[in-house]
Amino acid sequence: QVQLMESGGGSVQPGGSLRLSCAASGSTLDYYAIAWFRQTPGKEREGVSCINNNNGQTYYAESVTGRVTISTDNAKTTVYLQMDSLKPEDTAVYYCGAVNDALSVQAMCAGFRNVDTIKWGKGTPVTVSS
């Protein structure tokens, strides 16, 4: 069973950059899709980006397209989220999640749906403020 741990969050000024990491243990991520979601108090978790390591396909929410890049390391143990031109509205706790069945991959990546089969990490906070 894969376990995930996020890191790399912090405080940054508007226009700044952060790189979040999602490190896997218990399994490599070769046959998983990994998504980044974010959540603010009182709101539902929303999808930001997803990568399907089975075929390399990537997905981005409209709100972050052009500012965010998702990638996986060659060892398939860590997924990164490079975030540039950060805005105050990007402030949230960022979570990475993993699935490895086809239906869940479709739901999580193509639909950014928070399905029950997602294995989540504990999150890393991002604050964008001047």
Foldseek 3Di string as FASTA:
>chain_A
DKAWAKDWADEEAQQAKIKMKIFIPPDACQQKKKWKWWDDPPDDIFTAKIAGNPVGDIAGDPVQPPFWDWDADPRRGMIMIIGGSDDQVVWTWMKMWIDRDDVVCCCCHVVVDPDPRIRIHPTDTHGYHD
